[in-house]
Amino acid sequence: MSSKAKTAPPPQKMVEVTLASCWKRIIAWVYDLLGGLAVFILALVIGLLASTLIALPFGYSGAEVSQSLSNNPLWLVYIFACVQYYYVWCWVKGGQTVGMRTWRLKLCKPDGQLLTWQEGYIRSFASLGGIGTLWCIVDKENRGLQDLACDSRVVLLPKESRKKEKPLL
C-alpha cells in the first residue's frame, strides 16, 4: 500500500503594506465609475438586442420593446445586477478593480485573504454606490462603510509589487 504524504503549500511571501489613504480611495472610485459605466452600457446593449430579437417575430418594433422595458422594474434589476456583479467579481477574484489596480490599491481581509462571494455582495450593498467610501474621511483606519460591514481593508501595495506581475498578453 502506497501512502502519499500531503505536503503543506509553500509559505507565501509576506509583503509590508499600509492602509490606503482616503484620497487615493476616492480617486480610484472615480476611475471605477468608468468601468461601471462600461458594464452598464454593455448590459444595456445586450439586453435591448436580445429583447428586440425575441420580440420581432411577434410583430413588435424596437421602439415598442424599448418602451416596455423602460417601464419594467425587472429591467432595472438586470442592469443593477450586471454592474454589481462586475465589482464583486473583481474583488473576489483578484482584490482589485481597474481603478484600484491603477493606484496600487488592493482589497483584502485583515489576514490578507480575498473576500468571499458573500462578503463581496455585502460590501457592494453597503457601499451605497460608492458613497460609503466617504466615511474614510472620519474613520481613523481609513475604512469606508463597506469595509466596516464585511471587515475588509483597502491597502496600498508597494511599488515593486507591480513589477512582478505577469503581463496581460
N, C-alpha and C. Protein backbone atom coordinates (compact mmCIF):
# COMPACT_ATOMS: atom_id res chain seq x y z
N MET A 1 0.82 -1.18 0.00
CA MET A 1 0.00 0.00 0.00
C MET A 1 0.87 1.25 0.00
N SER A 2 0.58 2.08 -0.88
CA SER A 2 1.35 3.31 -1.00
C SER A 2 0.56 4.47 -0.40
N SER A 3 1.18 5.14 0.47
CA SER A 3 0.51 6.31 1.04
C SER A 3 1.30 7.55 0.66
N LYS A 4 0.58 8.47 0.15
CA LYS A 4 1.22 9.72 -0.25
C LYS A 4 1.06 10.72 0.87
N ALA A 5 2.16 11.26 1.29
CA ALA A 5 2.13 12.26 2.35
C ALA A 5 1.73 13.59 1.74
N LYS A 6 0.81 14.22 2.39
CA LYS A 6 0.39 15.54 1.92
C LYS A 6 1.39 16.56 2.42
N THR A 7 1.83 17.37 1.49
CA THR A 7 2.76 18.41 1.89
C THR A 7 2.02 19.73 1.96
N ALA A 8 2.45 20.52 2.87
CA ALA A 8 1.83 21.83 3.04
C ALA A 8 2.24 22.72 1.87
N PRO A 9 1.35 23.60 1.45
CA PRO A 9 1.73 24.52 0.37
C PRO A 9 2.88 25.41 0.83
N PRO A 10 3.71 25.82 -0.10
CA PRO A 10 4.83 26.67 0.30
C PRO A 10 4.32 27.98 0.91
N PRO A 11 5.02 28.46 1.92
CA PRO A 11 4.56 29.70 2.55
C PRO A 11 4.63 30.86 1.56
N GLN A 12 3.62 31.70 1.62
CA GLN A 12 3.58 32.85 0.73
C GLN A 12 4.45 33.96 1.30
N LYS A 13 5.05 34.69 0.40
CA LYS A 13 5.90 35.79 0.81
C LYS A 13 5.02 36.91 1.37
N MET A 14 5.31 37.32 2.56
CA MET A 14 4.55 38.40 3.19
C MET A 14 5.11 39.75 2.72
N VAL A 15 4.22 40.65 2.41
CA VAL A 15 4.61 41.97 1.93
C VAL A 15 4.11 43.00 2.93
N GLU A 16 4.96 43.93 3.26
CA GLU A 16 4.59 45.01 4.17
C GLU A 16 3.73 46.01 3.42
N VAL A 17 2.54 46.26 3.91
CA VAL A 17 1.63 47.20 3.26
C VAL A 17 1.13 48.20 4.29
N THR A 18 0.61 49.29 3.77
CA THR A 18 -0.01 50.29 4.63
C THR A 18 -1.46 50.47 4.18
N LEU A 19 -2.27 51.00 5.05
CA LEU A 19 -3.66 51.28 4.69
C LEU A 19 -3.69 52.39 3.65
N ALA A 20 -4.56 52.26 2.69
CA ALA A 20 -4.67 53.26 1.63
C ALA A 20 -5.25 54.56 2.18
N SER A 21 -4.75 55.66 1.69
CA SER A 21 -5.27 56.95 2.12
C SER A 21 -6.67 57.16 1.56
N CYS A 22 -7.41 57.99 2.22
CA CYS A 22 -8.77 58.27 1.81
C CYS A 22 -8.81 58.88 0.40
N TRP A 23 -7.85 59.74 0.11
CA TRP A 23 -7.87 60.44 -1.17
C TRP A 23 -7.56 59.49 -2.32
N LYS A 24 -6.66 58.53 -2.11
CA LYS A 24 -6.39 57.55 -3.16
C LYS A 24 -7.62 56.67 -3.40
N ARG A 25 -8.31 56.34 -2.33
CA ARG A 25 -9.51 55.52 -2.47
C ARG A 25 -10.59 56.26 -3.26
N ILE A 26 -10.74 57.55 -2.99
CA ILE A 26 -11.76 58.34 -3.70
C ILE A 26 -11.38 58.50 -5.18
N ILE A 27 -10.11 58.72 -5.47
CA ILE A 27 -9.67 58.83 -6.86
C ILE A 27 -9.87 57.51 -7.59
N ALA A 28 -9.55 56.39 -6.93
CA ALA A 28 -9.78 55.07 -7.54
C ALA A 28 -11.27 54.84 -7.78
N TRP A 29 -12.11 55.32 -6.87
CA TRP A 29 -13.56 55.20 -7.04
C TRP A 29 -14.02 55.92 -8.30
N VAL A 30 -13.46 57.11 -8.55
CA VAL A 30 -13.81 57.87 -9.76
C VAL A 30 -13.39 57.08 -11.00
N TYR A 31 -12.21 56.48 -10.99
CA TYR A 31 -11.78 55.62 -12.10
C TYR A 31 -12.77 54.47 -12.28
N ASP A 32 -13.18 53.88 -11.17
CA ASP A 32 -14.06 52.72 -11.22
C ASP A 32 -15.45 53.06 -11.75
N LEU A 33 -15.85 54.31 -11.66
CA LEU A 33 -17.12 54.72 -12.25
C LEU A 33 -17.11 54.48 -13.76
N LEU A 34 -15.94 54.66 -14.38
CA LEU A 34 -15.83 54.44 -15.83
C LEU A 34 -16.00 52.95 -16.16
N GLY A 35 -15.42 52.07 -15.34
CA GLY A 35 -15.61 50.64 -15.55
C GLY A 35 -17.06 50.24 -15.36
N GLY A 36 -17.70 50.78 -14.33
CA GLY A 36 -19.11 50.51 -14.10
C GLY A 36 -19.99 51.02 -15.23
N LEU A 37 -19.63 52.18 -15.77
CA LEU A 37 -20.38 52.75 -16.89
C LEU A 37 -20.24 51.86 -18.13
N ALA A 38 -19.06 51.33 -18.36
CA ALA A 38 -18.86 50.44 -19.50
C ALA A 38 -19.69 49.17 -19.35
N VAL A 39 -19.74 48.60 -18.16
CA VAL A 39 -20.56 47.41 -17.93
C VAL A 39 -22.03 47.75 -18.08
N PHE A 40 -22.45 48.91 -17.61
CA PHE A 40 -23.83 49.37 -17.75
C PHE A 40 -24.22 49.43 -19.23
N ILE A 41 -23.37 50.05 -20.04
CA ILE A 41 -23.66 50.19 -21.47
C ILE A 41 -23.70 48.82 -22.15
N LEU A 42 -22.75 47.96 -21.81
CA LEU A 42 -22.72 46.62 -22.39
C LEU A 42 -23.97 45.83 -22.03
N ALA A 43 -24.38 45.88 -20.76
CA ALA A 43 -25.60 45.18 -20.33
C ALA A 43 -26.82 45.75 -21.02
N LEU A 44 -26.85 47.07 -21.19
CA LEU A 44 -27.96 47.73 -21.86
C LEU A 44 -28.07 47.26 -23.31
N VAL A 45 -26.96 47.26 -24.02
CA VAL A 45 -26.96 46.87 -25.43
C VAL A 45 -27.34 45.40 -25.58
N ILE A 46 -26.74 44.53 -24.77
CA ILE A 46 -27.06 43.10 -24.87
C ILE A 46 -28.53 42.84 -24.52
N GLY A 47 -29.02 43.49 -23.48
CA GLY A 47 -30.42 43.30 -23.08
C GLY A 47 -31.39 43.80 -24.12
N LEU A 48 -31.13 44.98 -24.68
CA LEU A 48 -32.01 45.53 -25.72
C LEU A 48 -31.97 44.68 -26.98
N LEU A 49 -30.78 44.25 -27.36
CA LEU A 49 -30.65 43.42 -28.55
C LEU A 49 -31.38 42.09 -28.38
N ALA A 50 -31.17 41.44 -27.25
CA ALA A 50 -31.84 40.15 -27.01
C ALA A 50 -33.35 40.32 -26.95
N SER A 51 -33.83 41.35 -26.26
CA SER A 51 -35.27 41.58 -26.16
C SER A 51 -35.89 41.89 -27.52
N THR A 52 -35.20 42.68 -28.32
CA THR A 52 -35.71 43.02 -29.65
C THR A 52 -35.76 41.78 -30.55
N LEU A 53 -34.70 40.98 -30.51
CA LEU A 53 -34.68 39.77 -31.33
C LEU A 53 -35.77 38.78 -30.92
N ILE A 54 -36.08 38.73 -29.64
CA ILE A 54 -37.15 37.84 -29.17
C ILE A 54 -38.51 38.38 -29.58
N ALA A 55 -38.69 39.71 -29.56
CA ALA A 55 -39.99 40.31 -29.83
C ALA A 55 -40.31 40.49 -31.32
N LEU A 56 -39.29 40.54 -32.16
CA LEU A 56 -39.53 40.78 -33.59
C LEU A 56 -40.46 39.76 -34.25
N PRO A 57 -40.31 38.46 -33.99
CA PRO A 57 -41.23 37.51 -34.63
C PRO A 57 -42.70 37.73 -34.24
N PHE A 58 -42.93 38.41 -33.14
CA PHE A 58 -44.31 38.65 -32.70
C PHE A 58 -44.86 39.97 -33.22
N GLY A 59 -44.09 40.67 -34.07
CA GLY A 59 -44.56 41.88 -34.71
C GLY A 59 -44.33 43.16 -33.92
N TYR A 60 -43.53 43.11 -32.88
CA TYR A 60 -43.24 44.32 -32.11
C TYR A 60 -42.03 45.04 -32.69
N SER A 61 -42.08 46.36 -32.69
CA SER A 61 -40.94 47.14 -33.19
C SER A 61 -39.94 47.34 -32.05
N GLY A 62 -38.75 47.77 -32.44
CA GLY A 62 -37.71 48.04 -31.44
C GLY A 62 -38.13 49.13 -30.47
N ALA A 63 -38.87 50.13 -30.97
CA ALA A 63 -39.33 51.22 -30.10
C ALA A 63 -40.33 50.71 -29.06
N GLU A 64 -41.19 49.79 -29.48
CA GLU A 64 -42.17 49.23 -28.53
C GLU A 64 -41.48 48.39 -27.46
N VAL A 65 -40.46 47.65 -27.87
CA VAL A 65 -39.70 46.84 -26.91
C VAL A 65 -38.98 47.74 -25.92
N SER A 66 -38.35 48.78 -26.45
CA SER A 66 -37.63 49.72 -25.59
C SER A 66 -38.56 50.39 -24.59
N GLN A 67 -39.73 50.79 -25.04
CA GLN A 67 -40.72 51.44 -24.16
C GLN A 67 -41.19 50.49 -23.07
N SER A 68 -41.47 49.24 -23.44
CA SER A 68 -41.95 48.29 -22.44
C SER A 68 -40.86 47.94 -21.43
N LEU A 69 -39.60 47.90 -21.87
CA LEU A 69 -38.51 47.61 -20.94
C LEU A 69 -38.30 48.76 -19.96
N SER A 70 -38.42 49.97 -20.43
CA SER A 70 -38.18 51.12 -19.55
C SER A 70 -39.21 51.21 -18.42
N ASN A 71 -40.37 50.60 -18.61
CA ASN A 71 -41.41 50.60 -17.58
C ASN A 71 -41.38 49.34 -16.71
N ASN A 72 -40.43 48.47 -16.94
CA ASN A 72 -40.38 47.19 -16.24
C ASN A 72 -39.32 47.23 -15.14
N PRO A 73 -39.70 47.01 -13.87
CA PRO A 73 -38.71 47.04 -12.79
C PRO A 73 -37.67 45.92 -12.91
N LEU A 74 -38.00 44.82 -13.57
CA LEU A 74 -37.01 43.75 -13.74
C LEU A 74 -35.85 44.20 -14.63
N TRP A 75 -36.12 45.12 -15.53
CA TRP A 75 -35.07 45.67 -16.38
C TRP A 75 -34.03 46.39 -15.53
N LEU A 76 -34.49 47.19 -14.58
CA LEU A 76 -33.56 47.89 -13.67
C LEU A 76 -32.79 46.92 -12.80
N VAL A 77 -33.46 45.87 -12.35
CA VAL A 77 -32.80 44.85 -11.54
C VAL A 77 -31.70 44.17 -12.36
N TYR A 78 -31.99 43.86 -13.62
CA TYR A 78 -31.00 43.25 -14.51
C TYR A 78 -29.78 44.15 -14.68
N ILE A 79 -30.00 45.42 -14.97
CA ILE A 79 -28.88 46.35 -15.17
C ILE A 79 -28.07 46.49 -13.89
N PHE A 80 -28.74 46.68 -12.75
CA PHE A 80 -28.05 46.80 -11.47
C PHE A 80 -27.24 45.54 -11.16
N ALA A 81 -27.82 44.37 -11.40
CA ALA A 81 -27.14 43.10 -11.11
C ALA A 81 -25.89 42.94 -11.97
N CYS A 82 -25.94 43.36 -13.21
CA CYS A 82 -24.76 43.26 -14.08
C CYS A 82 -23.62 44.14 -13.58
N VAL A 83 -23.93 45.37 -13.23
CA VAL A 83 -22.90 46.29 -12.75
C VAL A 83 -22.36 45.81 -11.40
N GLN A 84 -23.25 45.38 -10.53
CA GLN A 84 -22.82 44.90 -9.22
C GLN A 84 -21.93 43.66 -9.37
N TYR A 85 -22.29 42.75 -10.25
CA TYR A 85 -21.50 41.55 -10.44
C TYR A 85 -20.10 41.89 -10.91
N TYR A 86 -19.93 42.90 -11.74
CA TYR A 86 -18.60 43.32 -12.20
C TYR A 86 -17.71 43.66 -11.00
N TYR A 87 -18.20 44.50 -10.11
CA TYR A 87 -17.39 44.90 -8.96
C TYR A 87 -17.12 43.72 -8.03
N VAL A 88 -18.12 42.93 -7.72
CA VAL A 88 -17.94 41.79 -6.81
C VAL A 88 -16.96 40.79 -7.42
N TRP A 89 -17.06 40.53 -8.71
CA TRP A 89 -16.15 39.61 -9.36
C TRP A 89 -14.71 40.10 -9.23
N CYS A 90 -14.49 41.38 -9.47
CA CYS A 90 -13.14 41.95 -9.34
C CYS A 90 -12.61 41.78 -7.92
N TRP A 91 -13.43 42.05 -6.92
CA TRP A 91 -12.99 41.94 -5.52
C TRP A 91 -12.70 40.50 -5.13
N VAL A 92 -13.53 39.57 -5.56
CA VAL A 92 -13.39 38.17 -5.15
C VAL A 92 -12.24 37.49 -5.89
N LYS A 93 -12.09 37.76 -7.15
CA LYS A 93 -11.08 37.07 -7.96
C LYS A 93 -9.67 37.64 -7.82
N GLY A 94 -9.54 38.94 -7.60
CA GLY A 94 -8.20 39.50 -7.53
C GLY A 94 -8.01 40.56 -6.47
N GLY A 95 -9.10 41.00 -5.86
CA GLY A 95 -8.98 42.04 -4.84
C GLY A 95 -8.83 43.45 -5.40
N GLN A 96 -8.91 43.59 -6.73
CA GLN A 96 -8.70 44.90 -7.32
C GLN A 96 -9.65 45.13 -8.50
N THR A 97 -10.20 46.32 -8.54
CA THR A 97 -10.93 46.77 -9.72
C THR A 97 -9.93 47.52 -10.61
N VAL A 98 -10.37 48.01 -11.73
CA VAL A 98 -9.46 48.72 -12.63
C VAL A 98 -8.87 49.96 -11.95
N GLY A 99 -9.71 50.72 -11.28
CA GLY A 99 -9.23 51.92 -10.59
C GLY A 99 -8.28 51.58 -9.44
N MET A 100 -8.58 50.53 -8.72
CA MET A 100 -7.71 50.12 -7.61
C MET A 100 -6.36 49.64 -8.14
N ARG A 101 -6.37 48.95 -9.25
CA ARG A 101 -5.12 48.45 -9.85
C ARG A 101 -4.25 49.63 -10.29
N THR A 102 -4.87 50.65 -10.86
CA THR A 102 -4.13 51.82 -11.32
C THR A 102 -3.41 52.52 -10.17
N TRP A 103 -4.06 52.58 -9.02
CA TRP A 103 -3.49 53.28 -7.86
C TRP A 103 -2.82 52.34 -6.86
N ARG A 104 -2.56 51.09 -7.27
CA ARG A 104 -1.89 50.08 -6.45
C ARG A 104 -2.63 49.83 -5.13
N LEU A 105 -3.95 49.80 -5.20
CA LEU A 105 -4.76 49.50 -4.02
C LEU A 105 -5.26 48.07 -4.13
N LYS A 106 -5.41 47.42 -3.00
CA LYS A 106 -5.93 46.06 -3.00
C LYS A 106 -6.87 45.88 -1.83
N LEU A 107 -7.95 45.18 -2.08
CA LEU A 107 -8.95 44.90 -1.07
C LEU A 107 -8.69 43.52 -0.49
N CYS A 108 -8.63 43.42 0.82
CA CYS A 108 -8.41 42.12 1.45
C CYS A 108 -8.99 42.15 2.87
N LYS A 109 -9.05 40.97 3.46
CA LYS A 109 -9.46 40.86 4.86
C LYS A 109 -8.23 41.14 5.72
N PRO A 110 -8.40 41.34 7.02
CA PRO A 110 -7.24 41.64 7.88
C PRO A 110 -6.14 40.58 7.82
N ASP A 111 -6.48 39.33 7.51
CA ASP A 111 -5.47 38.27 7.43
C ASP A 111 -4.83 38.18 6.04
N GLY A 112 -5.20 39.07 5.12
CA GLY A 112 -4.61 39.11 3.80
C GLY A 112 -5.37 38.31 2.75
N GLN A 113 -6.40 37.57 3.13
CA GLN A 113 -7.17 36.77 2.19
C GLN A 113 -8.14 37.65 1.40
N LEU A 114 -8.52 37.14 0.23
CA LEU A 114 -9.52 37.84 -0.58
C LEU A 114 -10.91 37.62 0.00
N LEU A 115 -11.84 38.46 -0.39
CA LEU A 115 -13.22 38.33 0.08
C LEU A 115 -13.89 37.12 -0.54
N THR A 116 -14.88 36.59 0.15
CA THR A 116 -15.72 35.53 -0.41
C THR A 116 -16.82 36.22 -1.22
N TRP A 117 -17.59 35.42 -1.98
CA TRP A 117 -18.69 35.99 -2.76
C TRP A 117 -19.70 36.66 -1.84
N GLN A 118 -20.01 36.03 -0.72
CA GLN A 118 -20.98 36.61 0.21
C GLN A 118 -20.47 37.94 0.75
N GLU A 119 -19.21 37.99 1.14
CA GLU A 119 -18.64 39.25 1.65
C GLU A 119 -18.59 40.31 0.55
N GLY A 120 -18.33 39.87 -0.67
CA GLY A 120 -18.31 40.81 -1.80
C GLY A 120 -19.66 41.46 -2.02
N TYR A 121 -20.73 40.66 -1.96
CA TYR A 121 -22.07 41.23 -2.15
C TYR A 121 -22.48 42.10 -0.96
N ILE A 122 -22.11 41.71 0.24
CA ILE A 122 -22.38 42.56 1.41
C ILE A 122 -21.67 43.89 1.23
N ARG A 123 -20.41 43.84 0.80
CA ARG A 123 -19.63 45.06 0.59
C ARG A 123 -20.27 45.92 -0.49
N SER A 124 -20.74 45.29 -1.54
CA SER A 124 -21.35 46.02 -2.64
C SER A 124 -22.60 46.78 -2.19
N PHE A 125 -23.47 46.11 -1.45
CA PHE A 125 -24.68 46.79 -0.97
C PHE A 125 -24.34 47.88 0.05
N ALA A 126 -23.38 47.60 0.93
CA ALA A 126 -23.04 48.57 1.98
C ALA A 126 -22.31 49.79 1.43
N SER A 127 -21.76 49.69 0.22
CA SER A 127 -21.03 50.82 -0.34
C SER A 127 -21.96 51.95 -0.78
N LEU A 128 -23.24 51.65 -0.91
CA LEU A 128 -24.23 52.66 -1.33
C LEU A 128 -23.82 53.34 -2.63
N GLY A 129 -23.36 52.52 -3.57
CA GLY A 129 -22.95 53.06 -4.86
C GLY A 129 -21.62 53.79 -4.80
N GLY A 130 -20.82 53.51 -3.81
CA GLY A 130 -19.52 54.16 -3.66
C GLY A 130 -19.53 55.31 -2.67
N ILE A 131 -20.70 55.78 -2.30
CA ILE A 131 -20.80 56.91 -1.38
C ILE A 131 -20.28 56.53 0.01
N GLY A 132 -20.38 55.25 0.36
CA GLY A 132 -19.89 54.78 1.66
C GLY A 132 -18.40 54.98 1.83
N THR A 133 -17.68 55.15 0.72
CA THR A 133 -16.24 55.38 0.78
C THR A 133 -15.92 56.69 1.50
N LEU A 134 -16.83 57.65 1.44
CA LEU A 134 -16.58 58.95 2.08
C LEU A 134 -16.45 58.83 3.60
N TRP A 135 -16.92 57.72 4.16
CA TRP A 135 -16.78 57.50 5.60
C TRP A 135 -15.30 57.44 6.00
N CYS A 136 -14.42 57.13 5.06
CA CYS A 136 -13.00 57.03 5.37
C CYS A 136 -12.42 58.37 5.80
N ILE A 137 -13.11 59.45 5.53
CA ILE A 137 -12.64 60.77 5.95
C ILE A 137 -12.64 60.88 7.47
N VAL A 138 -13.61 60.26 8.12
CA VAL A 138 -13.71 60.36 9.59
C VAL A 138 -13.20 59.12 10.32
N ASP A 139 -12.97 58.02 9.63
CA ASP A 139 -12.50 56.80 10.27
C ASP A 139 -10.98 56.85 10.45
N LYS A 140 -10.50 56.46 11.63
CA LYS A 140 -9.06 56.52 11.92
C LYS A 140 -8.26 55.54 11.07
N GLU A 141 -8.88 54.44 10.64
CA GLU A 141 -8.19 53.44 9.83
C GLU A 141 -8.53 53.56 8.34
N ASN A 142 -9.09 54.68 7.94
CA ASN A 142 -9.45 54.95 6.54
C ASN A 142 -10.38 53.90 5.95
N ARG A 143 -11.32 53.42 6.73
CA ARG A 143 -12.28 52.42 6.25
C ARG A 143 -13.56 53.12 5.83
N GLY A 144 -14.18 52.61 4.77
CA GLY A 144 -15.48 53.08 4.35
C GLY A 144 -16.55 52.25 5.03
N LEU A 145 -17.80 52.63 4.86
CA LEU A 145 -18.90 51.86 5.45
C LEU A 145 -18.87 50.41 4.97
N GLN A 146 -18.53 50.20 3.69
CA GLN A 146 -18.50 48.86 3.14
C GLN A 146 -17.40 48.02 3.78
N ASP A 147 -16.30 48.64 4.19
CA ASP A 147 -15.23 47.91 4.86
C ASP A 147 -15.64 47.50 6.27
N LEU A 148 -16.37 48.37 6.93
CA LEU A 148 -16.87 48.04 8.26
C LEU A 148 -17.89 46.90 8.19
N ALA A 149 -18.70 46.88 7.14
CA ALA A 149 -19.75 45.87 7.02
C ALA A 149 -19.19 44.46 6.81
N CYS A 150 -18.07 44.35 6.11
CA CYS A 150 -17.55 43.00 5.84
C CYS A 150 -16.14 42.79 6.37
N ASP A 151 -15.69 43.65 7.27
CA ASP A 151 -14.37 43.55 7.89
C ASP A 151 -13.27 43.39 6.84
N SER A 152 -13.18 44.37 5.98
CA SER A 152 -12.15 44.35 4.94
C SER A 152 -11.29 45.61 5.07
N ARG A 153 -10.18 45.58 4.37
CA ARG A 153 -9.26 46.72 4.36
C ARG A 153 -8.85 46.99 2.92
N VAL A 154 -8.61 48.24 2.60
CA VAL A 154 -8.02 48.60 1.33
C VAL A 154 -6.60 49.04 1.65
N VAL A 155 -5.64 48.32 1.08
CA VAL A 155 -4.24 48.59 1.39
C VAL A 155 -3.53 49.13 0.16
N LEU A 156 -2.44 49.84 0.42
CA LEU A 156 -1.60 50.38 -0.64
C LEU A 156 -0.45 49.40 -0.85
N LEU A 157 -0.34 48.87 -2.04
CA LEU A 157 0.73 47.92 -2.35
C LEU A 157 2.03 48.66 -2.62
N PRO A 158 3.14 48.06 -2.29
CA PRO A 158 4.43 48.71 -2.59
C PRO A 158 4.67 48.78 -4.10
N LYS A 159 5.49 49.72 -4.52
CA LYS A 159 5.73 49.91 -5.95
C LYS A 159 6.37 48.70 -6.60
N GLU A 160 7.24 48.00 -5.93
CA GLU A 160 7.92 46.85 -6.54
C GLU A 160 6.98 45.68 -6.78
N SER A 161 5.82 45.65 -6.14
CA SER A 161 4.88 44.55 -6.37
C SER A 161 4.32 44.58 -7.78
N ARG A 162 4.28 45.72 -8.38
CA ARG A 162 3.75 45.87 -9.73
C ARG A 162 4.69 45.28 -10.77
N LYS A 163 5.99 45.34 -10.52
CA LYS A 163 6.97 44.84 -11.48
C LYS A 163 6.92 43.32 -11.60
N LYS A 164 6.49 42.63 -10.55
CA LYS A 164 6.49 41.17 -10.54
C LYS A 164 5.24 40.58 -11.16
N GLU A 165 4.28 41.39 -11.53
CA GLU A 165 3.03 40.89 -12.11
C GLU A 165 3.28 40.35 -13.50
N LYS A 166 2.52 39.33 -13.86
CA LYS A 166 2.60 38.78 -15.19
C LYS A 166 1.95 39.76 -16.17
N PRO A 167 2.48 39.86 -17.38
CA PRO A 167 1.83 40.72 -18.36
C PRO A 167 0.49 40.14 -18.79
N LEU A 168 -0.39 40.98 -19.26
CA LEU A 168 -1.72 40.54 -19.66
C LEU A 168 -1.69 39.68 -20.92
N LEU A 169 -0.72 39.83 -21.78
CA LEU A 169 -0.67 39.07 -23.03
C LEU A 169 0.02 37.75 -22.86
